Structures are given as C-alpha cells and as structure tokens.
C-alpha cells in the first residue's frame, strides 16, 4: 500500500491519490503553448466557479506573492497602514508594508487570540515584525 502523504501548509491536508498521480505526469512548462491553453481554460472555469463575467486573476505565486502584490498596488511609501495581527500572517503584512516604505500602525495581539471587532486605539506601534 502506498504511503499516505500530507501537505503541512497550513495542514495537515491529505493529498488524494489522484492528485499524487497527476503530479507524477510530465511537467508542462509554464511558458509553453500547452500551458497557455490550460491557463486560459482555468481562467474561464474560474469565472464559472465565481459566477462572474469579469476577468479573474490567478497568481502563479505563493500567498506571500499575492500579499506583496496587494501592498505594491494599493500603497505608496509614506501611506499610513493599519495592520491588526494575532499571528504570523499579520506580522507578514506589517513586514511587507514596511518594506514598501509605509507608515505602519501595527496592533498586535497574542498569537491565536481573536482581536475584538472594534479597536478603539492603537495598542502598540512598532516597526518590529
């Protein structure tokens, strides 16, 4: 019997055998014509999934790549940015915003502690992440 495999980000997430089998197929280069057809079909299917006629953006990057793109597109150096964090991803948001020269107000909570829906003041302002 084949060994059961798990992804550990953010997992554990079981990987179905059919996914493992698909991953064993020859790699399609992401700049070749075969990939372009798959990418086009994927975007069209995502429009169906999200029930939209608008364009769908699919990132060929990690979640951090998407986060950085968001900051790069929406913020400029000197912009004041509020980051509320209770764990690693909040710290990452703050770090990315600081790397882009934003003036970050970083409200920190203990890891895994849920911030209240209303924050009346900045609890801690720091560039340390």
Protein backbone atom coordinates (compact mmCIF):
# COMPACT_ATOMS: atom_id res chain seq x y z
CA UNK A 1 0.00 0.00 0.00
CA UNK A 2 1.25 3.47 -0.89
CA UNK A 3 2.34 5.76 1.90
CA UNK A 4 -0.25 8.40 2.84
CA UNK A 5 1.08 11.90 2.16
CA UNK A 6 0.14 15.19 3.77
CA UNK A 7 0.82 18.82 2.93
CA UNK A 8 1.77 20.67 6.09
CA UNK A 9 0.95 24.20 4.92
CA UNK A 10 -1.37 25.14 6.57
CA UNK A 11 -2.28 21.45 7.12
CA UNK A 12 -2.12 18.75 7.74
CA UNK A 13 -4.02 18.42 4.47
CA UNK A 14 -4.41 14.95 2.97
CA UNK A 15 -3.40 14.72 -0.67
CA UNK A 16 -5.79 12.45 -2.61
CA UNK A 17 -4.15 9.62 -4.59
CA UNK A 18 -5.44 11.02 -7.90
CA UNK A 19 -3.65 14.32 -7.18
CA UNK A 20 -0.41 12.50 -6.42
CA UNK A 21 -0.84 10.52 -9.66
CA UNK A 22 -1.39 13.74 -11.65
CA UNK A 23 1.74 15.21 -10.09
CA UNK A 24 3.71 12.22 -11.41
CA UNK A 25 2.87 13.17 -15.01
CA UNK A 26 5.42 15.00 -17.19
CA UNK A 27 5.72 18.68 -16.33
CA UNK A 28 4.19 21.21 -18.71
CA UNK A 29 6.42 24.26 -18.99
CA UNK A 30 4.64 27.39 -17.78
CA UNK A 31 5.80 29.43 -20.80
CA UNK A 32 4.92 26.92 -23.48
CA UNK A 33 1.84 26.71 -25.72
CA UNK A 34 0.41 23.72 -23.84
CA UNK A 35 0.35 25.72 -20.62
CA UNK A 36 -1.28 28.74 -22.26
CA UNK A 37 -4.25 26.57 -23.26
CA UNK A 38 -4.56 25.12 -19.75
CA UNK A 39 -4.27 28.58 -18.18
CA UNK A 40 -6.94 30.02 -20.48
CA UNK A 41 -9.30 27.14 -19.71
CA UNK A 42 -8.61 27.50 -15.98
CA UNK A 43 -9.46 31.22 -16.01
CA UNK A 44 -12.69 30.50 -17.92
CA UNK A 45 -13.66 27.80 -15.43
CA UNK A 46 -12.87 30.11 -12.51
CA UNK A 47 -15.29 32.64 -13.97
CA UNK A 48 -17.92 29.90 -13.84
CA UNK A 49 -16.99 28.96 -10.28
CA UNK A 50 -17.19 32.58 -9.11
CA UNK A 51 -20.22 33.27 -11.35
CA UNK A 52 -18.69 36.33 -12.91
CA UNK A 53 -18.19 37.69 -16.39
CA UNK A 54 -15.35 39.86 -15.11
CA UNK A 55 -11.73 38.87 -15.57
CA UNK A 56 -10.29 36.52 -12.97
CA UNK A 57 -6.72 36.97 -11.78
CA UNK A 58 -4.78 33.81 -11.00
CA UNK A 59 -1.47 34.25 -9.20
CA UNK A 60 1.38 31.93 -10.05
CA UNK A 61 2.95 32.72 -6.70
CA UNK A 62 2.70 31.85 -3.05
CA UNK A 63 0.28 33.62 -0.74
CA UNK A 64 3.12 35.96 0.16
CA UNK A 65 3.41 36.92 -3.52
CA UNK A 66 -0.27 37.85 -3.55
CA UNK A 67 0.13 39.82 -0.32
CA UNK A 68 3.11 41.75 -1.71
CA UNK A 69 1.24 42.47 -4.93
CA UNK A 70 -1.65 43.89 -2.91
CA UNK A 71 0.62 46.25 -0.97
CA UNK A 72 2.54 47.24 -4.12
CA UNK A 73 -0.69 48.03 -5.97
CA UNK A 74 -2.58 49.81 -3.20
CA UNK A 75 0.07 51.57 -1.14
CA UNK A 76 2.83 54.09 -1.68
CA UNK A 77 5.79 54.95 0.50
CA UNK A 78 4.60 57.15 3.36
CA UNK A 79 1.00 55.88 3.29
CA UNK A 80 -0.35 55.12 6.75
CA UNK A 81 -1.34 51.45 7.03
CA UNK A 82 -3.08 49.70 9.91
CA UNK A 83 -2.19 46.04 10.44
CA UNK A 84 -4.03 44.06 13.10
CA UNK A 85 -2.24 40.81 13.80
CA UNK A 86 -2.61 37.80 16.02
CA UNK A 87 -0.06 35.56 14.38
CA UNK A 88 2.44 35.08 11.64
CA UNK A 89 0.38 36.33 8.68
CA UNK A 90 -0.38 39.62 10.39
CA UNK A 91 3.31 40.06 11.09
CA UNK A 92 3.99 39.30 7.43
CA UNK A 93 1.50 42.00 6.31
CA UNK A 94 3.29 44.51 8.53
CA UNK A 95 6.71 43.49 7.26
CA UNK A 96 5.69 43.79 3.62
CA UNK A 97 4.08 47.19 4.17
CA UNK A 98 7.21 48.41 5.96
CA UNK A 99 9.41 47.10 3.14
CA UNK A 100 7.38 49.29 0.77
CA UNK A 101 8.01 52.32 2.98
CA UNK A 102 4.55 52.54 4.52
CA UNK A 103 3.98 54.13 7.93
CA UNK A 104 2.65 51.04 9.71
CA UNK A 105 0.45 51.13 12.80
CA UNK A 106 0.82 47.54 13.98
CA UNK A 107 -1.81 46.44 16.50
CA UNK A 108 -0.58 43.18 17.97
CA UNK A 109 -2.45 40.51 19.87
CA UNK A 110 -1.16 37.27 21.34
CA UNK A 111 -0.89 34.52 18.74
CA UNK A 112 -4.25 32.90 18.05
CA UNK A 113 -6.13 35.46 20.18
CA UNK A 114 -9.05 36.89 18.26
CA UNK A 115 -8.94 40.69 18.03
CA UNK A 116 -12.20 42.37 19.03
CA UNK A 117 -14.40 43.66 16.20
CA UNK A 118 -13.76 47.25 17.34
CA UNK A 119 -10.31 48.55 18.06
CA UNK A 120 -10.54 51.86 19.89
CA UNK A 121 -6.85 52.71 19.88
CA UNK A 122 -3.53 51.50 18.58
CA UNK A 123 -2.23 49.12 21.23
CA UNK A 124 1.37 49.04 20.10
CA UNK A 125 3.09 50.86 17.29
CA UNK A 126 6.27 49.25 16.17
CA UNK A 127 8.29 48.50 13.10
CA UNK A 128 9.45 45.22 14.65
CA UNK A 129 7.94 42.19 12.97
